[in-house]
Amino acid sequence: MSKANNISGVVLILLFSMLVFASVARAAEYDLILKNGHVLDIASSVNAVMDVAVKDGKIARVAKNIDSGLSERTIDVSGNYVSPGFIDLHVHVFTGFEGAATSVTADHTSFQGGVTTVVDAGTSGADNFEEFKKIIDSSRVRILAFLNISRTGMDEGENEPPNFDVKLAAATAKKYDDTIVGFKTAHYWRLWKGDHAEPRPYDDVHTPWASVDSLVQAGELADKPVMIDFDAFPPQGKWPERSYRELILEKLRPGDIHTHCYARHFTVIGEDGTVVPDILKARKRGVLFDVGHGGASMLFRNAIPAIEQGYLPDTISTDLHGGNINGPVMNMGFVMSKFLNMGMTLEEVISRVTVRPAEIIKRPDLGTLSVGAPADIAIFKIIEDEMSFVDSNGSRLNGDHYLRNVMTLRAGRIVFDPYGLTYRVWDEIPKDDFYWKNPSGQTW
């Protein structure tokens, strides 16, 4: 063979190798493409049928008609919405902790509702946050936390002002700055009598505003927002009224959060049938209002007229714990469905579980499908069908549509797919596939 032929052969081999390498590289540009879904990403102002490409656990591209040949795997999600993974701003997931709320396991309860990030609302305090951190670090769901102003967490210690160590709380939050997003107080100095709460007798230690004032001080020291579960109480002896008006107009700062905003024990709708003006004034001040549905904190008689008059929540959260997981809360998708049937648009609801909570906790990397963001994704559809919903006080709302989450991705990995979007139809699987084989080889 001539030297020229040898050179030509080598050149051909090199060219062939380069083509093969280019083909392999091209095929591996993305790990996954979600094809033909209706992308609803409020943060990026995207509301259209698009494809979403994922690489190394992050969003790599959002565009129309991304070439499936560029990905190792393509999933057709036609007929479904594709949204950033939902953020639940109020849950209780410090399992093993004995306190005021029985925590649930985040990995067992979040993905089915499209939730990829939860914020534990004050179950832990400075004394036991290290223990909670072990759960946080081992969870597939992203867990963030509002640290309880009581160093003992959400237990009887919430009633004891000596536990409200402001400097310790702030120092703990700064030490775990990426995980602790703010501070929380709840249940202070209240005594349940039947279906309502009354204050215990005040004294020079247990003053009306002890928990709130300490909470806000910690927020100022650490430059973080606070969340409060609040009870308004009348004057008592020399002690003045502890009013909801004073809380939202004077005590809370812009960016602070009142959770349970449609609860029974607040006058949301006045005697004239309109939203109480103080709430609207507080909103103008920048105070934020969170749903925190829970087992006792969301009433249709407050929420429906409020929403009709434009008093929408800033965030929709579940307050999920062991006492309400089997109803009336169940999961985030179920709670979101209630607000859809109370008159909020799909875009308004999605913003309250994605971009808005992300902004509030100062995590702009979350709640979006922008390039480079974590590939936390909820894929859902709106089912047009009759369905009833209940609130936290024994009333029912008849609805005609609901949100059903069908797939969830966390950091690019599929963690929820009960309807088989990634599965093959059983009788279309080739007969030589392992699916048809009896792995034991046993015959009968």
Protein backbone atom coordinates (compact mmCIF):
# COMPACT_ATOMS: atom_id res chain seq x y z
CA MET A 1 0.00 0.00 0.00
CA SER A 2 1.38 3.43 -0.90
CA LYS A 3 2.36 6.04 1.63
CA ALA A 4 -0.38 8.29 0.26
CA ASN A 5 -2.99 5.61 0.86
CA ASN A 6 -1.72 5.10 4.42
CA ILE A 7 -2.06 8.81 5.12
CA SER A 8 -5.54 8.88 3.62
CA GLY A 9 -6.57 5.95 5.81
CA VAL A 10 -5.28 7.66 8.91
CA VAL A 11 -7.09 10.85 7.99
CA LEU A 12 -10.34 8.95 7.48
CA ILE A 13 -9.97 7.21 10.83
CA LEU A 14 -9.33 10.55 12.55
CA LEU A 15 -12.29 12.14 10.83
CA PHE A 16 -14.52 9.23 11.80
CA SER A 17 -13.28 9.40 15.40
CA MET A 18 -13.95 13.13 15.51
CA LEU A 19 -17.48 12.64 14.20
CA VAL A 20 -18.16 9.92 16.79
CA PHE A 21 -16.74 12.09 19.58
CA ALA A 22 -18.79 15.09 18.40
CA SER A 23 -21.92 12.96 18.29
CA VAL A 24 -21.36 11.65 21.82
CA ALA A 25 -20.56 15.13 23.13
CA ARG A 26 -23.64 16.50 21.39
CA ALA A 27 -25.85 13.80 22.87
CA ALA A 28 -24.58 14.52 26.38
CA GLU A 29 -25.11 18.28 26.30
CA TYR A 30 -28.09 17.87 28.65
CA ASP A 31 -29.02 15.18 31.17
CA LEU A 32 -32.74 15.64 30.69
CA ILE A 33 -35.23 17.57 28.60
CA LEU A 34 -38.83 18.12 29.68
CA LYS A 35 -40.64 18.42 26.37
CA ASN A 36 -43.79 20.35 25.39
CA GLY A 37 -44.92 21.43 28.85
CA HIS A 38 -46.60 24.76 29.59
CA VAL A 39 -43.85 26.55 31.49
CA LEU A 40 -45.20 28.86 34.19
CA ASP A 41 -42.26 30.69 35.73
CA ILE A 42 -43.48 33.94 37.27
CA ALA A 43 -39.95 35.04 38.25
CA SER A 44 -38.81 34.95 34.61
CA SER A 45 -42.13 36.13 33.12
CA VAL A 46 -42.48 32.90 31.13
CA ASN A 47 -46.00 31.61 30.50
CA ALA A 48 -45.95 29.48 27.34
CA VAL A 49 -45.36 26.01 25.95
CA MET A 50 -41.60 25.51 26.17
CA ASP A 51 -38.96 22.86 26.75
CA VAL A 52 -36.79 22.79 29.86
CA ALA A 53 -33.29 21.29 29.72
CA VAL A 54 -31.43 20.14 32.82
CA LYS A 55 -27.71 19.55 33.30
CA ASP A 56 -25.84 18.62 36.49
CA GLY A 57 -28.86 19.32 38.68
CA LYS A 58 -29.42 22.84 37.34
CA ILE A 59 -31.60 24.51 34.75
CA ALA A 60 -29.55 24.66 31.55
CA ARG A 61 -32.00 26.11 29.05
CA VAL A 62 -35.65 27.08 28.64
CA ALA A 63 -36.71 27.46 25.01
CA LYS A 64 -39.06 26.22 22.33
CA ASN A 65 -38.23 23.01 20.47
CA ILE A 66 -34.93 22.03 22.10
CA ASP A 67 -33.44 19.19 20.06
CA SER A 68 -34.05 15.90 21.90
CA GLY A 69 -30.85 14.59 20.38
CA LEU A 70 -28.91 16.87 22.68
CA SER A 71 -30.07 15.03 25.80
CA GLU A 72 -29.47 11.67 27.36
CA ARG A 73 -33.16 11.53 28.23
CA THR A 74 -36.32 13.26 27.06
CA ILE A 75 -39.67 13.18 28.85
CA ASP A 76 -42.84 14.29 27.09
CA VAL A 77 -44.88 16.37 29.54
CA SER A 78 -47.47 17.58 27.04
CA GLY A 79 -50.71 18.71 28.62
CA ASN A 80 -49.03 19.61 31.93
CA TYR A 81 -47.73 22.77 33.52
CA VAL A 82 -44.04 23.01 34.38
CA SER A 83 -43.25 25.27 37.31
CA PRO A 84 -40.41 25.92 39.73
CA GLY A 85 -40.65 23.52 42.67
CA PHE A 86 -43.01 24.89 45.29
CA ILE A 87 -41.72 26.53 48.47
CA ASP A 88 -43.75 25.86 51.61
CA LEU A 89 -42.97 28.73 53.97
CA HIS A 90 -44.56 27.17 57.06
CA VAL A 91 -44.18 23.50 58.04
CA HIS A 92 -43.02 21.45 61.02
CA VAL A 93 -40.43 18.80 60.13
CA PHE A 94 -38.16 18.48 63.19
CA THR A 95 -39.03 14.81 63.68
CA GLY A 96 -38.39 13.37 67.12
CA PHE A 97 -38.87 16.71 68.85
CA GLU A 98 -41.54 16.66 71.54
CA GLY A 99 -43.41 19.95 71.46
CA ALA A 100 -46.52 21.86 70.50
CA ALA A 101 -46.76 20.32 67.02
CA THR A 102 -46.03 16.78 65.89
CA SER A 103 -43.56 17.08 63.05
CA VAL A 104 -43.80 15.12 59.82
CA THR A 105 -40.92 13.74 57.77
CA ALA A 106 -40.21 16.21 54.97
CA ASP A 107 -39.12 13.56 52.47
CA HIS A 108 -42.35 11.62 53.01
CA THR A 109 -44.76 14.54 52.66
CA SER A 110 -43.36 17.18 50.32
CA PHE A 111 -42.73 15.79 46.86
CA GLN A 112 -46.28 14.56 46.30
CA GLY A 113 -47.47 18.16 46.55
CA GLY A 114 -44.77 19.55 44.24
CA VAL A 115 -42.80 20.98 47.16
CA THR A 116 -39.01 20.94 46.88
CA THR A 117 -38.19 23.47 49.62
CA VAL A 118 -39.78 23.70 53.06
CA VAL A 119 -39.22 26.23 55.81
CA ASP A 120 -39.67 24.85 59.29
CA ALA A 121 -41.55 27.48 61.28
CA GLY A 122 -39.90 27.65 64.67
CA THR A 123 -39.96 24.03 65.78
CA SER A 124 -36.31 24.32 66.82
CA GLY A 125 -34.56 26.88 69.00
CA ALA A 126 -30.92 27.73 69.58
CA ASP A 127 -30.48 24.89 72.10
CA ASN A 128 -31.60 22.13 69.75
CA PHE A 129 -30.97 23.48 66.28
CA GLU A 130 -27.79 21.39 65.99
CA GLU A 131 -29.93 18.28 66.40
CA PHE A 132 -32.38 19.51 63.79
CA LYS A 133 -29.45 20.24 61.47
CA LYS A 134 -28.73 16.51 61.28
CA ILE A 135 -32.18 15.98 59.78
CA ILE A 136 -31.72 18.95 57.45
CA ASP A 137 -28.41 17.63 56.15
CA SER A 138 -29.75 14.13 55.48
CA SER A 139 -32.97 15.20 53.75
CA ARG A 140 -33.62 15.12 50.01
CA VAL A 141 -36.07 18.00 50.37
CA ARG A 142 -34.32 21.32 50.93
CA ILE A 143 -35.10 22.30 54.53
CA LEU A 144 -34.65 25.88 55.73
CA ALA A 145 -35.76 27.22 59.09
CA PHE A 146 -37.22 30.05 61.09
CA LEU A 147 -35.47 29.72 64.45
CA ASN A 148 -37.74 29.96 67.48
CA ILE A 149 -36.96 32.94 69.71
CA SER A 150 -37.27 30.53 72.62
CA ARG A 151 -34.00 28.67 72.90
CA THR A 152 -35.92 25.46 73.69
CA GLY A 153 -37.99 25.58 70.49
CA MET A 154 -41.72 25.09 70.09
CA ASP A 155 -42.57 23.70 73.51
CA GLU A 156 -43.66 25.08 76.87
CA GLY A 157 -40.49 27.18 76.88
CA GLU A 158 -42.19 29.54 74.40
CA ASN A 159 -44.00 30.96 77.44
CA GLU A 160 -40.86 31.84 79.39
CA PRO A 161 -39.15 35.17 78.58
CA PRO A 162 -35.84 34.03 80.19
CA ASN A 163 -35.63 31.65 77.21
CA PHE A 164 -35.82 34.53 74.75
CA ASP A 165 -32.05 34.91 74.40
CA VAL A 166 -31.84 37.44 71.59
CA LYS A 167 -28.06 37.41 71.23
CA LEU A 168 -27.89 33.62 71.19
CA ALA A 169 -30.65 33.42 68.59
CA ALA A 170 -28.92 35.97 66.36
CA ALA A 171 -25.55 34.27 66.75
CA THR A 172 -27.04 30.89 65.83
CA ALA A 173 -28.70 32.40 62.76
CA LYS A 174 -25.43 33.97 61.64
CA LYS A 175 -23.56 30.70 62.17
CA TYR A 176 -26.04 28.87 59.94
CA ASP A 177 -26.78 31.77 57.66
CA ASP A 178 -27.54 29.59 54.62
CA THR A 179 -30.16 27.58 56.52
CA ILE A 180 -31.79 29.87 59.09
CA VAL A 181 -33.82 32.44 57.18
CA GLY A 182 -35.44 34.25 60.10
CA PHE A 183 -37.06 33.91 63.53
CA LYS A 184 -40.44 32.76 64.81
CA THR A 185 -42.58 33.03 67.90
CA ALA A 186 -45.94 31.39 68.65
CA HIS A 187 -48.34 30.43 71.41
CA TYR A 188 -46.97 32.94 73.95
CA TRP A 189 -48.77 33.06 77.29
CA ARG A 190 -52.06 31.72 76.01
CA LEU A 191 -54.38 29.26 77.66
CA TRP A 192 -56.92 27.35 75.60
CA LYS A 193 -60.45 27.34 76.97
CA GLY A 194 -62.79 25.34 74.78
CA ASP A 195 -62.49 26.78 71.28
CA HIS A 196 -60.70 30.01 72.17
CA ALA A 197 -57.48 31.19 73.80
CA GLU A 198 -57.18 33.47 76.82
CA PRO A 199 -54.07 35.00 78.37
CA ARG A 200 -52.59 33.67 81.56
CA PRO A 201 -52.13 36.26 84.31
CA TYR A 202 -49.36 38.71 83.38
CA ASP A 203 -46.54 39.63 85.77
CA ASP A 204 -43.30 41.59 85.60
CA VAL A 205 -41.61 38.72 83.74
CA HIS A 206 -44.47 37.54 81.55
CA THR A 207 -45.41 40.87 79.99
CA PRO A 208 -47.78 41.12 77.00
CA TRP A 209 -45.21 41.86 74.31
CA ALA A 210 -42.18 39.95 75.65
CA SER A 211 -42.01 37.41 72.85
CA VAL A 212 -42.73 39.85 70.02
CA ASP A 213 -40.23 42.46 71.18
CA SER A 214 -37.50 39.84 71.62
CA LEU A 215 -38.32 38.38 68.23
CA VAL A 216 -37.96 41.69 66.42
CA GLN A 217 -34.71 42.45 68.27
CA ALA A 218 -33.24 39.17 67.02
CA GLY A 219 -34.39 40.00 63.51
CA GLU A 220 -32.65 43.37 63.69
CA LEU A 221 -29.42 41.87 65.04
CA ALA A 222 -29.23 39.21 62.35
CA ASP A 223 -30.82 41.29 59.56
CA LYS A 224 -33.50 38.69 58.94
CA PRO A 225 -37.30 38.71 58.82
CA VAL A 226 -39.50 37.34 61.57
CA MET A 227 -42.67 35.26 61.44
CA ILE A 228 -45.29 35.45 64.15
CA ASP A 229 -48.24 33.30 65.18
CA PHE A 230 -50.22 35.76 67.30
CA ASP A 231 -53.13 35.97 69.71
CA ALA A 232 -54.70 39.32 70.55
CA PHE A 233 -55.66 39.75 74.21
CA PRO A 234 -57.63 42.45 76.11
CA PRO A 235 -56.17 44.64 78.89
CA GLN A 236 -55.37 42.91 82.16
CA GLY A 237 -54.85 44.87 85.37
CA LYS A 238 -52.07 47.40 84.80
CA TRP A 239 -51.20 45.74 81.50
CA PRO A 240 -52.52 47.31 78.29
CA GLU A 241 -54.27 45.58 75.45
CA ARG A 242 -52.19 43.31 73.22
CA SER A 243 -53.90 44.11 69.94
CA TYR A 244 -53.56 42.85 66.41
CA ARG A 245 -53.60 46.46 65.23
CA GLU A 246 -50.54 47.33 67.29
CA LEU A 247 -48.76 44.22 66.07
CA ILE A 248 -49.11 44.91 62.36
CA LEU A 249 -48.94 48.71 62.47
CA GLU A 250 -46.26 49.26 65.08
CA LYS A 251 -44.40 46.14 66.17
CA LEU A 252 -43.65 44.34 62.90
CA ARG A 253 -41.20 45.80 60.40
CA PRO A 254 -41.47 45.86 56.60
CA GLY A 255 -40.64 42.34 55.46
CA ASP A 256 -41.87 40.69 58.65
CA ILE A 257 -44.57 38.05 58.35
CA HIS A 258 -47.86 37.45 60.10
CA THR A 259 -48.81 33.82 59.52
CA HIS A 260 -52.39 32.46 59.83
CA CYS A 261 -53.67 35.64 58.21
CA TYR A 262 -57.21 34.26 57.61
CA ALA A 263 -57.55 32.59 61.00
CA ARG A 264 -60.70 32.60 63.09
CA HIS A 265 -59.29 34.69 65.91
CA PHE A 266 -58.64 37.79 63.76
CA THR A 267 -61.23 40.27 62.60
CA VAL A 268 -60.34 40.20 58.92
CA ILE A 269 -63.76 41.31 57.69
CA GLY A 270 -65.41 44.14 59.61
CA GLU A 271 -69.08 44.54 60.46
CA ASP A 272 -69.57 46.51 57.23
CA GLY A 273 -68.41 43.49 55.21
CA THR A 274 -65.11 44.99 54.09
CA VAL A 275 -61.51 44.14 54.91
CA VAL A 276 -60.39 45.85 58.11
CA PRO A 277 -58.52 49.04 57.04
CA ASP A 278 -55.63 48.41 59.47
CA ILE A 279 -54.67 45.29 57.47
CA LEU A 280 -54.45 47.30 54.27
CA LYS A 281 -52.43 50.00 56.06
CA ALA A 282 -50.02 47.37 57.36
CA ARG A 283 -49.62 45.95 53.87
CA LYS A 284 -48.67 49.41 52.61
CA ARG A 285 -46.06 49.50 55.39
CA GLY A 286 -44.57 46.31 53.95
CA VAL A 287 -45.87 43.81 56.51
CA LEU A 288 -46.41 40.42 54.85
CA PHE A 289 -49.33 38.05 55.30
CA ASP A 290 -48.93 34.27 55.06
CA VAL A 291 -51.73 31.69 54.94
CA GLY A 292 -50.31 29.04 57.32
CA HIS A 293 -53.44 26.94 56.76
CA GLY A 294 -52.93 24.42 59.58
CA GLY A 295 -55.65 22.58 61.41
CA ALA A 296 -57.24 25.72 62.88
CA SER A 297 -56.08 28.77 60.94
CA MET A 298 -57.86 29.24 57.60
CA LEU A 299 -61.55 30.06 57.37
CA PHE A 300 -63.50 30.52 54.18
CA ARG A 301 -65.60 33.21 55.87
CA ASN A 302 -62.44 35.32 56.18
CA ALA A 303 -60.51 34.27 53.08
CA ILE A 304 -63.22 34.40 50.40
CA PRO A 305 -64.49 37.98 50.97
CA ALA A 306 -60.91 39.14 51.57
CA ILE A 307 -59.75 37.71 48.25
CA GLU A 308 -62.79 39.14 46.47
CA GLN A 309 -61.78 42.57 47.80
CA GLY A 310 -58.13 42.23 46.78
CA TYR A 311 -56.61 41.19 50.10
CA LEU A 312 -54.65 38.25 48.71
CA PRO A 313 -52.03 36.47 50.80
CA ASP A 314 -48.38 37.24 50.11
CA THR A 315 -47.57 33.54 50.47
CA ILE A 316 -49.56 30.32 50.57
CA SER A 317 -48.25 27.79 53.07
CA THR A 318 -49.61 24.65 54.69
CA ASP A 319 -48.47 24.67 58.34
CA LEU A 320 -48.23 20.93 57.74
CA HIS A 321 -47.83 18.75 60.83
CA GLY A 322 -49.08 15.44 62.16
CA GLY A 323 -52.39 16.89 63.28
CA ASN A 324 -53.57 18.04 59.85
CA ILE A 325 -51.87 15.87 57.23
CA ASN A 326 -54.99 13.72 56.86
CA GLY A 327 -57.17 16.83 56.61
CA PRO A 328 -57.86 19.64 56.30
CA VAL A 329 -54.38 20.31 54.85
CA MET A 330 -53.04 17.06 53.28
CA ASN A 331 -50.45 18.69 51.01
CA MET A 332 -49.52 21.88 49.20
CA GLY A 333 -51.38 21.04 45.99
CA PHE A 334 -54.60 20.57 47.95
CA VAL A 335 -54.19 23.91 49.73
CA MET A 336 -53.37 25.68 46.46
CA SER A 337 -56.54 24.19 44.96
CA LYS A 338 -58.62 25.87 47.66
CA PHE A 339 -57.27 29.27 46.67
CA LEU A 340 -57.89 28.57 42.99
CA ASN A 341 -61.52 27.88 43.87
CA MET A 342 -61.71 30.99 46.04
CA GLY A 343 -61.03 33.15 43.01
CA MET A 344 -57.27 33.53 42.72
CA THR A 345 -55.81 32.95 39.25
CA LEU A 346 -53.33 30.17 38.60
CA GLU A 347 -50.58 32.75 38.08
CA GLU A 348 -51.41 34.43 41.40
CA VAL A 349 -51.33 31.11 43.23
CA ILE A 350 -48.08 29.92 41.65
CA SER A 351 -46.32 33.19 42.48
CA ARG A 352 -47.30 32.72 46.16
CA VAL A 353 -45.49 29.37 46.34
CA THR A 354 -42.46 30.18 44.17
CA VAL A 355 -41.03 33.64 43.58
CA ARG A 356 -42.72 35.43 46.50
CA PRO A 357 -41.50 33.16 49.31
CA ALA A 358 -38.07 33.06 47.66
CA GLU A 359 -37.91 36.85 47.76
CA ILE A 360 -39.10 37.01 51.36
CA ILE A 361 -36.44 34.61 52.65
CA LYS A 362 -33.80 36.27 50.44
CA ARG A 363 -33.15 33.21 48.29
CA PRO A 364 -33.40 34.50 44.69
CA ASP A 365 -31.88 31.25 43.44
CA LEU A 366 -35.11 29.47 44.38
CA GLY A 367 -38.61 29.75 42.94
CA THR A 368 -37.41 30.18 39.37
CA LEU A 369 -36.50 28.18 36.27
CA SER A 370 -33.87 30.68 35.15
CA VAL A 371 -30.63 29.26 33.76
CA GLY A 372 -28.30 28.22 36.56
CA ALA A 373 -31.04 27.82 39.17
CA PRO A 374 -31.43 24.47 40.92
CA ALA A 375 -33.52 22.11 38.79
CA ASP A 376 -36.30 21.91 41.39
CA ILE A 377 -39.41 21.44 39.29
CA ALA A 378 -43.10 20.73 39.85
CA ILE A 379 -45.10 19.28 36.94
CA PHE A 380 -48.84 19.45 37.42
CA LYS A 381 -52.17 19.67 35.67
CA ILE A 382 -55.44 21.40 36.42
CA ILE A 383 -58.26 18.89 36.58
CA GLU A 384 -61.69 20.23 35.64
CA ASP A 385 -64.03 18.28 37.88
CA GLU A 386 -66.31 18.76 40.85
CA MET A 387 -64.48 18.62 44.16
CA SER A 388 -65.21 19.83 47.67
CA PHE A 389 -62.74 21.45 50.06
CA VAL A 390 -62.92 22.09 53.80
CA ASP A 391 -61.48 24.88 55.89
CA SER A 392 -60.17 24.75 59.45
CA ASN A 393 -63.48 25.35 61.17
CA GLY A 394 -65.93 22.87 59.75
CA SER A 395 -67.21 24.52 56.59
CA ARG A 396 -67.06 23.30 52.99
CA LEU A 397 -66.45 24.97 49.64
CA ASN A 398 -67.73 23.25 46.51
CA GLY A 399 -65.26 23.66 43.67
CA ASP A 400 -64.98 22.71 40.02
CA HIS A 401 -61.23 22.35 39.44
CA TYR A 402 -58.14 21.33 41.34
CA LEU A 403 -54.39 21.09 40.98
CA ARG A 404 -52.87 17.62 40.78
CA ASN A 405 -49.10 17.32 40.90
CA VAL A 406 -47.91 14.55 38.59
CA MET A 407 -44.12 14.72 38.82
CA THR A 408 -41.49 16.42 40.96
CA LEU A 409 -37.78 16.92 40.30
CA ARG A 410 -35.34 17.89 43.02
CA ALA A 411 -31.90 19.03 41.84
CA GLY A 412 -32.58 17.42 38.48
CA ARG A 413 -33.53 14.03 39.87
CA ILE A 414 -37.02 12.61 39.52
CA VAL A 415 -38.31 12.06 43.04
CA PHE A 416 -42.05 11.70 42.38
CA ASP A 417 -43.65 10.06 39.33
CA PRO A 418 -46.66 7.96 40.41
CA TYR A 419 -48.50 8.43 37.11
CA GLY A 420 -45.61 7.04 35.08
CA LEU A 421 -44.60 9.90 32.81
CA THR A 422 -41.18 8.28 32.63
CA TYR A 423 -42.50 4.72 32.33
CA ARG A 424 -43.19 2.57 29.27
CA VAL A 425 -46.67 1.26 28.49
CA TRP A 426 -46.55 -2.30 29.75
CA ASP A 427 -47.82 -4.13 26.65
CA GLU A 428 -45.59 -2.12 24.32
CA ILE A 429 -42.39 -3.27 25.99
CA PRO A 430 -40.40 -5.60 23.66
CA LYS A 431 -40.78 -9.27 24.55
CA ASP A 432 -37.01 -9.74 24.89
CA ASP A 433 -36.88 -7.01 27.57
CA PHE A 434 -35.98 -7.95 31.12
CA TYR A 435 -39.49 -6.80 32.11
CA TRP A 436 -40.90 -10.07 30.81
CA LYS A 437 -38.35 -12.34 32.46
CA ASN A 438 -38.81 -14.25 35.71
CA PRO A 439 -35.59 -13.37 37.52
CA SER A 440 -35.81 -16.45 39.76
CA GLY A 441 -36.18 -18.82 36.83
CA GLN A 442 -38.77 -20.69 38.86
CA THR A 443 -41.56 -22.50 37.03
CA TRP A 444 -44.89 -23.78 38.29
